[in-house]
Amino acid sequence: GVCAVEDELVMDDEGNISKHQVMRLSFTYDHRLIDGAVAAKF
């Protein structure tokens, strides 16, 4: 599942804040065939 691209403020390790574009992915799988770790690696 592919979701919307959104703007998000991100702070780096030095405390600097910048605007990034982010998108969420929703991955649904059949747990009879695919284990959680296998899905996560993909």
PDB file of all heavy atoms in Angstrom:
ATOM      1  N   GLY A   1       0.833  -1.192   0.000  1.00  0.00           N
ATOM      2  CA  GLY A   1       0.000   0.000   0.000  1.00  0.00           C
ATOM      3  C   GLY A   1       0.866   1.239   0.000  1.00  0.00           C
ATOM      4  O   GLY A   1       1.779   1.369   0.830  1.00  0.00           O
ATOM      5  N   VAL A   2       0.607   2.149  -0.939  1.00  0.00           N
ATOM      6  CA  VAL A   2       1.399   3.378  -1.084  1.00  0.00           C
ATOM      7  C   VAL A   2       0.558   4.561  -0.632  1.00  0.00           C
ATOM      8  O   VAL A   2      -0.572   4.730  -1.090  1.00  0.00           O
ATOM      9  CB  VAL A   2       1.860   3.563  -2.544  1.00  0.00           C
ATOM     10  CG1 VAL A   2       2.710   4.822  -2.679  1.00  0.00           C
ATOM     11  CG2 VAL A   2       2.629   2.335  -3.021  1.00  0.00           C
ATOM     12  N   CYS A   3       1.108   5.379   0.258  1.00  0.00           N
ATOM     13  CA  CYS A   3       0.363   6.487   0.841  1.00  0.00           C
ATOM     14  C   CYS A   3       0.873   7.838   0.332  1.00  0.00           C
ATOM     15  O   CYS A   3       1.763   7.907  -0.520  1.00  0.00           O
ATOM     16  CB  CYS A   3       0.443   6.414   2.370  1.00  0.00           C
ATOM     17  SG  CYS A   3      -0.143   4.821   3.022  1.00  0.00           S
ATOM     18  N   ALA A   4       0.301   8.896   0.856  1.00  0.00           N
ATOM     19  CA  ALA A   4       0.569  10.243   0.345  1.00  0.00           C
ATOM     20  C   ALA A   4       1.963  10.739   0.723  1.00  0.00           C
ATOM     21  O   ALA A   4       2.528  10.351   1.746  1.00  0.00           O
ATOM     22  CB  ALA A   4      -0.486  11.207   0.879  1.00  0.00           C
ATOM     23  N   VAL A   5       2.483  11.622  -0.117  1.00  0.00           N
ATOM     24  CA  VAL A   5       3.730  12.324   0.185  1.00  0.00           C
ATOM     25  C   VAL A   5       3.382  13.560   1.009  1.00  0.00           C
ATOM     26  O   VAL A   5       2.519  14.352   0.624  1.00  0.00           O
ATOM     27  CB  VAL A   5       4.476  12.732  -1.101  1.00  0.00           C
ATOM     28  CG1 VAL A   5       5.712  13.557  -0.767  1.00  0.00           C
ATOM     29  CG2 VAL A   5       4.856  11.492  -1.915  1.00  0.00           C
ATOM     30  N   GLU A   6       4.064  13.720   2.153  1.00  0.00           N
ATOM     31  CA  GLU A   6       3.763  14.829   3.053  1.00  0.00           C
ATOM     32  C   GLU A   6       5.050  15.539   3.459  1.00  0.00           C
ATOM     33  O   GLU A   6       6.140  14.946   3.455  1.00  0.00           O
ATOM     34  CB  GLU A   6       3.063  14.314   4.321  1.00  0.00           C
ATOM     35  CG  GLU A   6       1.752  13.600   4.062  1.00  0.00           C
ATOM     36  CD  GLU A   6       1.157  13.037   5.335  1.00  0.00           C
ATOM     37  OE1 GLU A   6       1.796  12.124   5.924  1.00  0.00           O
ATOM     38  OE2 GLU A   6       0.090  13.511   5.763  1.00  0.00           O
ATOM     39  N   ASP A   7       4.898  16.804   3.810  1.00  0.00           N
ATOM     40  CA  ASP A   7       6.033  17.557   4.340  1.00  0.00           C
ATOM     41  C   ASP A   7       6.183  17.278   5.825  1.00  0.00           C
ATOM     42  O   ASP A   7       5.190  17.146   6.556  1.00  0.00           O
ATOM     43  CB  ASP A   7       5.826  19.058   4.120  1.00  0.00           C
ATOM     44  CG  ASP A   7       5.878  19.432   2.639  1.00  0.00           C
ATOM     45  OD1 ASP A   7       6.492  18.674   1.859  1.00  0.00           O
ATOM     46  OD2 ASP A   7       5.298  20.472   2.268  1.00  0.00           O
ATOM     47  N   GLU A   8       7.427  17.195   6.276  1.00  0.00           N
ATOM     48  CA  GLU A   8       7.694  16.923   7.686  1.00  0.00           C
ATOM     49  C   GLU A   8       8.992  17.611   8.094  1.00  0.00           C
ATOM     50  O   GLU A   8       9.973  17.600   7.345  1.00  0.00           O
ATOM     51  CB  GLU A   8       7.808  15.410   7.909  1.00  0.00           C
ATOM     52  CG  GLU A   8       7.934  14.999   9.355  1.00  0.00           C
ATOM     53  CD  GLU A   8       7.897  13.495   9.524  1.00  0.00           C
ATOM     54  OE1 GLU A   8       6.785  12.923   9.473  1.00  0.00           O
ATOM     55  OE2 GLU A   8       8.990  12.893   9.690  1.00  0.00           O
ATOM     56  N   LEU A   9       8.986  18.213   9.264  1.00  0.00           N
ATOM     57  CA  LEU A   9      10.191  18.858   9.779  1.00  0.00           C
ATOM     58  C   LEU A   9      11.060  17.803  10.452  1.00  0.00           C
ATOM     59  O   LEU A   9      10.577  17.003  11.263  1.00  0.00           O
ATOM     60  CB  LEU A   9       9.828  19.956  10.770  1.00  0.00           C
ATOM     61  CG  LEU A   9       9.047  21.144  10.186  1.00  0.00           C
ATOM     62  CD1 LEU A   9       8.727  22.163  11.282  1.00  0.00           C
ATOM     63  CD2 LEU A   9       9.821  21.813   9.054  1.00  0.00           C
ATOM     64  N   VAL A  10      12.349  17.805  10.098  1.00  0.00           N
ATOM     65  CA  VAL A  10      13.286  16.807  10.605  1.00  0.00           C
ATOM     66  C   VAL A  10      14.463  17.511  11.269  1.00  0.00           C
ATOM     67  O   VAL A  10      15.010  18.476  10.723  1.00  0.00           O
ATOM     68  CB  VAL A  10      13.782  15.891   9.464  1.00  0.00           C
ATOM     69  CG1 VAL A  10      14.817  14.895   9.988  1.00  0.00           C
ATOM     70  CG2 VAL A  10      12.608  15.172   8.818  1.00  0.00           C
ATOM     71  N   MET A  11      14.843  17.025  12.450  1.00  0.00           N
ATOM     72  CA  MET A  11      16.000  17.568  13.166  1.00  0.00           C
ATOM     73  C   MET A  11      17.164  16.602  13.017  1.00  0.00           C
ATOM     74  O   MET A  11      17.038  15.403  13.285  1.00  0.00           O
ATOM     75  CB  MET A  11      15.672  17.762  14.649  1.00  0.00           C
ATOM     76  CG  MET A  11      16.845  18.319  15.460  1.00  0.00           C
ATOM     77  SD  MET A  11      16.460  18.488  17.224  1.00  0.00           S
ATOM     78  CE  MET A  11      15.209  19.770  17.178  1.00  0.00           C
ATOM     79  N   ASP A  12      18.324  17.120  12.576  1.00  0.00           N
ATOM     80  CA  ASP A  12      19.491  16.251  12.423  1.00  0.00           C
ATOM     81  C   ASP A  12      20.244  16.123  13.741  1.00  0.00           C
ATOM     82  O   ASP A  12      19.814  16.672  14.779  1.00  0.00           O
ATOM     83  CB  ASP A  12      20.410  16.772  11.308  1.00  0.00           C
ATOM     84  CG  ASP A  12      20.973  18.165  11.595  1.00  0.00           C
ATOM     85  OD1 ASP A  12      21.006  18.579  12.779  1.00  0.00           O
ATOM     86  OD2 ASP A  12      21.388  18.839  10.629  1.00  0.00           O
ATOM     87  N   ASP A  13      21.347  15.413  13.702  1.00  0.00           N
ATOM     88  CA  ASP A  13      22.109  15.142  14.934  1.00  0.00           C
ATOM     89  C   ASP A  13      22.668  16.404  15.570  1.00  0.00           C
ATOM     90  O   ASP A  13      22.973  16.426  16.767  1.00  0.00           O
ATOM     91  CB  ASP A  13      23.252  14.168  14.637  1.00  0.00           C
ATOM     92  CG  ASP A  13      22.751  12.795  14.223  1.00  0.00           C
ATOM     93  OD1 ASP A  13      21.591  12.493  14.561  1.00  0.00           O
ATOM     94  OD2 ASP A  13      23.503  12.055  13.554  1.00  0.00           O
ATOM     95  N   GLU A  14      22.812  17.444  14.792  1.00  0.00           N
ATOM     96  CA  GLU A  14      23.372  18.698  15.312  1.00  0.00           C
ATOM     97  C   GLU A  14      22.281  19.688  15.711  1.00  0.00           C
ATOM     98  O   GLU A  14      22.581  20.834  16.065  1.00  0.00           O
ATOM     99  CB  GLU A  14      24.293  19.324  14.265  1.00  0.00           C
ATOM    100  CG  GLU A  14      25.487  18.438  13.915  1.00  0.00           C
ATOM    101  CD  GLU A  14      26.359  19.050  12.842  1.00  0.00           C
ATOM    102  OE1 GLU A  14      26.002  20.152  12.344  1.00  0.00           O
ATOM    103  OE2 GLU A  14      27.396  18.453  12.493  1.00  0.00           O
ATOM    104  N   GLY A  15      21.062  19.264  15.659  1.00  0.00           N
ATOM    105  CA  GLY A  15      19.969  20.133  16.085  1.00  0.00           C
ATOM    106  C   GLY A  15      19.423  21.036  15.004  1.00  0.00           C
ATOM    107  O   GLY A  15      18.556  21.877  15.288  1.00  0.00           O
ATOM    108  N   ASN A  16      19.873  20.869  13.778  1.00  0.00           N
ATOM    109  CA  ASN A  16      19.357  21.681  12.677  1.00  0.00           C
ATOM    110  C   ASN A  16      18.029  21.108  12.180  1.00  0.00           C
ATOM    111  O   ASN A  16      17.889  19.893  12.018  1.00  0.00           O
ATOM    112  CB  ASN A  16      20.361  21.715  11.526  1.00  0.00           C
ATOM    113  CG  ASN A  16      21.680  22.328  11.941  1.00  0.00           C
ATOM    114  OD1 ASN A  16      21.712  23.379  12.588  1.00  0.00           O
ATOM    115  ND2 ASN A  16      22.787  21.659  11.594  1.00  0.00           N
ATOM    116  N   ILE A  17      17.084  21.995  11.928  1.00  0.00           N
ATOM    117  CA  ILE A  17      15.748  21.578  11.482  1.00  0.00           C
ATOM    118  C   ILE A  17      15.578  21.923  10.004  1.00  0.00           C
ATOM    119  O   ILE A  17      15.883  23.040   9.576  1.00  0.00           O
ATOM    120  CB  ILE A  17      14.649  22.266  12.315  1.00  0.00           C
ATOM    121  CG1 ILE A  17      14.759  21.829  13.787  1.00  0.00           C
ATOM    122  CG2 ILE A  17      13.261  21.911  11.765  1.00  0.00           C
ATOM    123  CD1 ILE A  17      13.773  22.519  14.694  1.00  0.00           C
ATOM    124  N   SER A  18      15.103  20.962   9.247  1.00  0.00           N
ATOM    125  CA  SER A  18      14.859  21.175   7.821  1.00  0.00           C
ATOM    126  C   SER A  18      13.586  20.445   7.402  1.00  0.00           C
ATOM    127  O   SER A  18      13.123  19.519   8.072  1.00  0.00           O
ATOM    128  CB  SER A  18      16.046  20.676   6.981  1.00  0.00           C
ATOM    129  OG  SER A  18      16.267  19.298   7.224  1.00  0.00           O
ATOM    130  N   LYS A  19      13.031  20.892   6.280  1.00  0.00           N
ATOM    131  CA  LYS A  19      11.801  20.279   5.779  1.00  0.00           C
ATOM    132  C   LYS A  19      12.141  19.122   4.848  1.00  0.00           C
ATOM    133  O   LYS A  19      12.940  19.268   3.918  1.00  0.00           O
ATOM    134  CB  LYS A  19      10.947  21.311   5.033  1.00  0.00           C
ATOM    135  CG  LYS A  19       9.592  20.764   4.588  1.00  0.00           C
ATOM    136  CD  LYS A  19       8.761  21.822   3.892  1.00  0.00           C
ATOM    137  CE  LYS A  19       9.263  22.075   2.483  1.00  0.00           C
ATOM    138  NZ  LYS A  19       8.354  22.944   1.701  1.00  0.00           N
ATOM    139  N   HIS A  20      11.522  17.986   5.098  1.00  0.00           N
ATOM    140  CA  HIS A  20      11.690  16.805   4.255  1.00  0.00           C
ATOM    141  C   HIS A  20      10.327  16.359   3.738  1.00  0.00           C
ATOM    142  O   HIS A  20       9.286  16.733   4.284  1.00  0.00           O
ATOM    143  CB  HIS A  20      12.351  15.666   5.045  1.00  0.00           C
ATOM    144  CG  HIS A  20      13.808  15.868   5.291  1.00  0.00           C
ATOM    145  ND1 HIS A  20      14.785  14.982   4.885  1.00  0.00           N
ATOM    146  CD2 HIS A  20      14.481  16.881   5.904  1.00  0.00           C
ATOM    147  CE1 HIS A  20      15.976  15.420   5.242  1.00  0.00           C
ATOM    148  NE2 HIS A  20      15.817  16.576   5.879  1.00  0.00           N
ATOM    149  N   GLN A  21      10.365  15.569   2.701  1.00  0.00           N
ATOM    150  CA  GLN A  21       9.141  14.957   2.177  1.00  0.00           C
ATOM    151  C   GLN A  21       9.156  13.471   2.519  1.00  0.00           C
ATOM    152  O   GLN A  21      10.153  12.775   2.247  1.00  0.00           O
ATOM    153  CB  GLN A  21       9.028  15.162   0.661  1.00  0.00           C
ATOM    154  CG  GLN A  21       8.781  16.618   0.275  1.00  0.00           C
ATOM    155  CD  GLN A  21       8.746  16.816  -1.227  1.00  0.00           C
ATOM    156  OE1 GLN A  21       9.762  16.698  -1.898  1.00  0.00           O
ATOM    157  NE2 GLN A  21       7.555  17.108  -1.757  1.00  0.00           N
ATOM    158  N   VAL A  22       8.078  13.009   3.132  1.00  0.00           N
ATOM    159  CA  VAL A  22       8.017  11.620   3.585  1.00  0.00           C
ATOM    160  C   VAL A  22       6.769  10.938   3.027  1.00  0.00           C
ATOM    161  O   VAL A  22       5.776  11.593   2.678  1.00  0.00           O
ATOM    162  CB  VAL A  22       8.023  11.523   5.124  1.00  0.00           C
ATOM    163  CG1 VAL A  22       9.298  12.121   5.697  1.00  0.00           C
ATOM    164  CG2 VAL A  22       6.805  12.202   5.720  1.00  0.00           C
ATOM    165  N   MET A  23       6.854   9.631   2.960  1.00  0.00           N
ATOM    166  CA  MET A  23       5.742   8.825   2.475  1.00  0.00           C
ATOM    167  C   MET A  23       5.719   7.526   3.272  1.00  0.00           C
ATOM    168  O   MET A  23       6.774   6.970   3.591  1.00  0.00           O
ATOM    169  CB  MET A  23       5.915   8.502   0.987  1.00  0.00           C
ATOM    170  CG  MET A  23       4.855   7.597   0.389  1.00  0.00           C
ATOM    171  SD  MET A  23       5.169   7.314  -1.376  1.00  0.00           S
ATOM    172  CE  MET A  23       6.735   6.428  -1.292  1.00  0.00           C
ATOM    173  N   ARG A  24       4.536   7.060   3.602  1.00  0.00           N
ATOM    174  CA  ARG A  24       4.413   5.802   4.340  1.00  0.00           C
ATOM    175  C   ARG A  24       4.027   4.665   3.402  1.00  0.00           C
ATOM    176  O   ARG A  24       3.248   4.848   2.468  1.00  0.00           O
ATOM    177  CB  ARG A  24       3.386   5.945   5.465  1.00  0.00           C
ATOM    178  CG  ARG A  24       3.897   6.795   6.609  1.00  0.00           C
ATOM    179  CD  ARG A  24       2.826   7.138   7.635  1.00  0.00           C
ATOM    180  NE  ARG A  24       3.384   7.839   8.790  1.00  0.00           N
ATOM    181  CZ  ARG A  24       3.694   9.127   8.816  1.00  0.00           C
ATOM    182  NH1 ARG A  24       3.506   9.869   7.739  1.00  0.00           N
ATOM    183  NH2 ARG A  24       4.211   9.676   9.900  1.00  0.00           N
ATOM    184  N   LEU A  25       4.597   3.505   3.677  1.00  0.00           N
ATOM    185  CA  LEU A  25       4.283   2.291   2.951  1.00  0.00           C
ATOM    186  C   LEU A  25       3.608   1.317   3.906  1.00  0.00           C
ATOM    187  O   LEU A  25       4.034   1.166   5.058  1.00  0.00           O
ATOM    188  CB  LEU A  25       5.546   1.645   2.371  1.00  0.00           C
ATOM    189  CG  LEU A  25       6.358   2.480   1.377  1.00  0.00           C
ATOM    190  CD1 LEU A  25       7.611   1.713   0.963  1.00  0.00           C
ATOM    191  CD2 LEU A  25       5.522   2.838   0.147  1.00  0.00           C
ATOM    192  N   SER A  26       2.549   0.670   3.442  1.00  0.00           N
ATOM    193  CA  SER A  26       1.837  -0.330   4.240  1.00  0.00           C
ATOM    194  C   SER A  26       1.958  -1.670   3.511  1.00  0.00           C
ATOM    195  O   SER A  26       1.399  -1.843   2.421  1.00  0.00           O
ATOM    196  CB  SER A  26       0.364   0.057   4.403  1.00  0.00           C
ATOM    197  OG  SER A  26       0.247   1.315   5.046  1.00  0.00           O
ATOM    198  N   PHE A  27       2.661  -2.599   4.131  1.00  0.00           N
ATOM    199  CA  PHE A  27       2.944  -3.883   3.500  1.00  0.00           C
ATOM    200  C   PHE A  27       2.166  -4.983   4.220  1.00  0.00           C
ATOM    201  O   PHE A  27       2.434  -5.305   5.377  1.00  0.00           O
ATOM    202  CB  PHE A  27       4.451  -4.172   3.568  1.00  0.00           C
ATOM    203  CG  PHE A  27       4.865  -5.465   2.912  1.00  0.00           C
ATOM    204  CD1 PHE A  27       4.695  -5.665   1.554  1.00  0.00           C
ATOM    205  CD2 PHE A  27       5.443  -6.486   3.659  1.00  0.00           C
ATOM    206  CE1 PHE A  27       5.084  -6.846   0.952  1.00  0.00           C
ATOM    207  CE2 PHE A  27       5.835  -7.668   3.069  1.00  0.00           C
ATOM    208  CZ  PHE A  27       5.665  -7.857   1.714  1.00  0.00           C
ATOM    209  N   THR A  28       1.146  -5.533   3.537  1.00  0.00           N
ATOM    210  CA  THR A  28       0.334  -6.606   4.108  1.00  0.00           C
ATOM    211  C   THR A  28       0.746  -7.930   3.479  1.00  0.00           C
ATOM    212  O   THR A  28       0.891  -8.018   2.258  1.00  0.00           O
ATOM    213  CB  THR A  28      -1.163  -6.363   3.862  1.00  0.00           C
ATOM    214  OG1 THR A  28      -1.558  -5.148   4.502  1.00  0.00           O
ATOM    215  CG2 THR A  28      -1.996  -7.497   4.448  1.00  0.00           C
ATOM    216  N   TYR A  29       0.910  -8.967   4.305  1.00  0.00           N
ATOM    217  CA  TYR A  29       1.357 -10.256   3.791  1.00  0.00           C
ATOM    218  C   TYR A  29       0.635 -11.405   4.478  1.00  0.00           C
ATOM    219  O   TYR A  29       0.057 -11.263   5.563  1.00  0.00           O
ATOM    220  CB  TYR A  29       2.875 -10.408   3.958  1.00  0.00           C
ATOM    221  CG  TYR A  29       3.376 -10.230   5.370  1.00  0.00           C
ATOM    222  CD1 TYR A  29       3.529 -11.334   6.231  1.00  0.00           C
ATOM    223  CD2 TYR A  29       3.716  -8.977   5.862  1.00  0.00           C
ATOM    224  CE1 TYR A  29       3.991 -11.174   7.530  1.00  0.00           C
ATOM    225  CE2 TYR A  29       4.173  -8.809   7.152  1.00  0.00           C
ATOM    226  CZ  TYR A  29       4.316  -9.911   7.984  1.00  0.00           C
ATOM    227  OH  TYR A  29       4.768  -9.745   9.274  1.00  0.00           O
ATOM    228  N   ASP A  30       0.660 -12.549   3.821  1.00  0.00           N
ATOM    229  CA  ASP A  30       0.055 -13.780   4.317  1.00  0.00           C
ATOM    230  C   ASP A  30       1.044 -14.431   5.278  1.00  0.00           C
ATOM    231  O   ASP A  30       2.095 -14.931   4.853  1.00  0.00           O
ATOM    232  CB  ASP A  30      -0.255 -14.704   3.129  1.00  0.00           C
ATOM    233  CG  ASP A  30      -0.980 -15.974   3.536  1.00  0.00           C
ATOM    234  OD1 ASP A  30      -0.998 -16.298   4.739  1.00  0.00           O
ATOM    235  OD2 ASP A  30      -1.511 -16.663   2.634  1.00  0.00           O
ATOM    236  N   HIS A  31       0.700 -14.445   6.565  1.00  0.00           N
ATOM    237  CA  HIS A  31       1.643 -14.926   7.573  1.00  0.00           C
ATOM    238  C   HIS A  31       1.839 -16.443   7.513  1.00  0.00           C
ATOM    239  O   HIS A  31       2.743 -16.985   8.156  1.00  0.00           O
ATOM    240  CB  HIS A  31       1.157 -14.514   8.973  1.00  0.00           C
ATOM    241  CG  HIS A  31       2.272 -14.311   9.953  1.00  0.00           C
ATOM    242  ND1 HIS A  31       3.553 -14.755   9.734  1.00  0.00           N
ATOM    243  CD2 HIS A  31       2.292 -13.709  11.177  1.00  0.00           C
ATOM    244  CE1 HIS A  31       4.311 -14.442  10.764  1.00  0.00           C
ATOM    245  NE2 HIS A  31       3.569 -13.804  11.650  1.00  0.00           N
ATOM    246  N   ARG A  32       1.031 -17.141   6.731  1.00  0.00           N
ATOM    247  CA  ARG A  32       1.266 -18.575   6.539  1.00  0.00           C
ATOM    248  C   ARG A  32       2.508 -18.808   5.695  1.00  0.00           C
ATOM    249  O   ARG A  32       3.151 -19.863   5.793  1.00  0.00           O
ATOM    250  CB  ARG A  32       0.061 -19.228   5.854  1.00  0.00           C
ATOM    251  CG  ARG A  32      -1.239 -19.179   6.640  1.00  0.00           C
ATOM    252  CD  ARG A  32      -2.393 -19.719   5.805  1.00  0.00           C
ATOM    253  NE  ARG A  32      -2.586 -18.948   4.578  1.00  0.00           N
ATOM    254  CZ  ARG A  32      -3.469 -19.275   3.630  1.00  0.00           C
ATOM    255  NH1 ARG A  32      -4.224 -20.363   3.767  1.00  0.00           N
ATOM    256  NH2 ARG A  32      -3.590 -18.524   2.541  1.00  0.00           N
ATOM    257  N   LEU A  33       2.829 -17.825   4.839  1.00  0.00           N
ATOM    258  CA  LEU A  33       3.917 -17.991   3.878  1.00  0.00           C
ATOM    259  C   LEU A  33       5.113 -17.087   4.151  1.00  0.00           C
ATOM    260  O   LEU A  33       6.242 -17.409   3.769  1.00  0.00           O
ATOM    261  CB  LEU A  33       3.394 -17.710   2.463  1.00  0.00           C
ATOM    262  CG  LEU A  33       2.304 -18.662   1.945  1.00  0.00           C
ATOM    263  CD1 LEU A  33       1.733 -18.129   0.647  1.00  0.00           C
ATOM    264  CD2 LEU A  33       2.884 -20.045   1.740  1.00  0.00           C
ATOM    265  N   ILE A  34       4.863 -15.950   4.759  1.00  0.00           N
ATOM    266  CA  ILE A  34       5.923 -14.959   4.962  1.00  0.00           C
ATOM    267  C   ILE A  34       6.000 -14.632   6.446  1.00  0.00           C
ATOM    268  O   ILE A  34       4.995 -14.273   7.070  1.00  0.00           O
ATOM    269  CB  ILE A  34       5.650 -13.685   4.147  1.00  0.00           C
ATOM    270  CG1 ILE A  34       5.541 -14.022   2.652  1.00  0.00           C
ATOM    271  CG2 ILE A  34       6.730 -12.646   4.384  1.00  0.00           C
ATOM    272  CD1 ILE A  34       5.101 -12.842   1.790  1.00  0.00           C
ATOM    273  N   ASP A  35       7.193 -14.743   6.995  1.00  0.00           N
ATOM    274  CA  ASP A  35       7.411 -14.405   8.405  1.00  0.00           C
ATOM    275  C   ASP A  35       7.685 -12.916   8.550  1.00  0.00           C
ATOM    276  O   ASP A  35       8.062 -12.229   7.589  1.00  0.00           O
ATOM    277  CB  ASP A  35       8.576 -15.209   8.970  1.00  0.00           C
ATOM    278  CG  ASP A  35       8.282 -16.706   9.021  1.00  0.00           C
ATOM    279  OD1 ASP A  35       7.099 -17.048   9.214  1.00  0.00           O
ATOM    280  OD2 ASP A  35       9.226 -17.493   8.844  1.00  0.00           O
ATOM    281  N   GLY A  36       7.537 -12.438   9.773  1.00  0.00           N
ATOM    282  CA  GLY A  36       7.704 -11.010  10.028  1.00  0.00           C
ATOM    283  C   GLY A  36       9.079 -10.491   9.670  1.00  0.00           C
ATOM    284  O   GLY A  36       9.212  -9.407   9.092  1.00  0.00           O
ATOM    285  N   ALA A  37      10.122 -11.252   9.988  1.00  0.00           N
ATOM    286  CA  ALA A  37      11.482 -10.801   9.692  1.00  0.00           C
ATOM    287  C   ALA A  37      11.727 -10.742   8.188  1.00  0.00           C
ATOM    288  O   ALA A  37      12.379  -9.814   7.678  1.00  0.00           O
ATOM    289  CB  ALA A  37      12.497 -11.733  10.357  1.00  0.00           C
ATOM    290  N   VAL A  38      11.189 -11.726   7.462  1.00  0.00           N
ATOM    291  CA  VAL A  38      11.331 -11.733   6.000  1.00  0.00           C
ATOM    292  C   VAL A  38      10.641 -10.514   5.401  1.00  0.00           C
ATOM    293  O   VAL A  38      11.180  -9.838   4.525  1.00  0.00           O
ATOM    294  CB  VAL A  38      10.746 -13.035   5.420  1.00  0.00           C
ATOM    295  CG1 VAL A  38      10.714 -12.974   3.888  1.00  0.00           C
ATOM    296  CG2 VAL A  38      11.558 -14.230   5.878  1.00  0.00           C
ATOM    297  N   ALA A  39       9.428 -10.228   5.890  1.00  0.00           N
ATOM    298  CA  ALA A  39       8.688  -9.062   5.410  1.00  0.00           C
ATOM    299  C   ALA A  39       9.450  -7.776   5.719  1.00  0.00           C
ATOM    300  O   ALA A  39       9.533  -6.868   4.881  1.00  0.00           O
ATOM    301  CB  ALA A  39       7.303  -9.027   6.039  1.00  0.00           C
ATOM    302  N   ALA A  40      10.007  -7.678   6.920  1.00  0.00           N
ATOM    303  CA  ALA A  40      10.718  -6.465   7.319  1.00  0.00           C
ATOM    304  C   ALA A  40      11.945  -6.229   6.442  1.00  0.00           C
ATOM    305  O   ALA A  40      12.242  -5.087   6.064  1.00  0.00           O
ATOM    306  CB  ALA A  40      11.119  -6.568   8.790  1.00  0.00           C
ATOM    307  N   LYS A  41      12.659  -7.293   6.102  1.00  0.00           N
ATOM    308  CA  LYS A  41      13.839  -7.142   5.243  1.00  0.00           C
ATOM    309  C   LYS A  41      13.447  -6.624   3.861  1.00  0.00           C
ATOM    310  O   LYS A  41      14.143  -5.787   3.278  1.00  0.00           O
ATOM    311  CB  LYS A  41      14.559  -8.483   5.120  1.00  0.00           C
ATOM    312  CG  LYS A  41      15.276  -8.916   6.388  1.00  0.00           C
ATOM    313  CD  LYS A  41      15.919 -10.288   6.211  1.00  0.00           C
ATOM    314  CE  LYS A  41      16.612 -10.738   7.493  1.00  0.00           C
ATOM    315  NZ  LYS A  41      17.194 -12.098   7.357  1.00  0.00           N
ATOM    316  N   PHE A  42      12.319  -7.118   3.356  1.00  0.00           N
ATOM    317  CA  PHE A  42      11.852  -6.635   2.057  1.00  0.00           C
ATOM    318  C   PHE A  42      11.484  -5.160   2.124  1.00  0.00           C
ATOM    319  O   PHE A  42      11.872  -4.364   1.258  1.00  0.00           O
ATOM    320  CB  PHE A  42      10.647  -7.453   1.595  1.00  0.00           C
ATOM    321  CG  PHE A  42       9.963  -6.890   0.381  1.00  0.00           C
ATOM    322  CD1 PHE A  42      10.490  -7.070  -0.888  1.00  0.00           C
ATOM    323  CD2 PHE A  42       8.787  -6.148   0.505  1.00  0.00           C
ATOM    324  CE1 PHE A  42       9.864  -6.531  -2.004  1.00  0.00           C
ATOM    325  CE2 PHE A  42       8.159  -5.611  -0.606  1.00  0.00           C
ATOM    326  CZ  PHE A  42       8.696  -5.798  -1.865  1.00  0.00           C
TER     327      PHE A  42
END
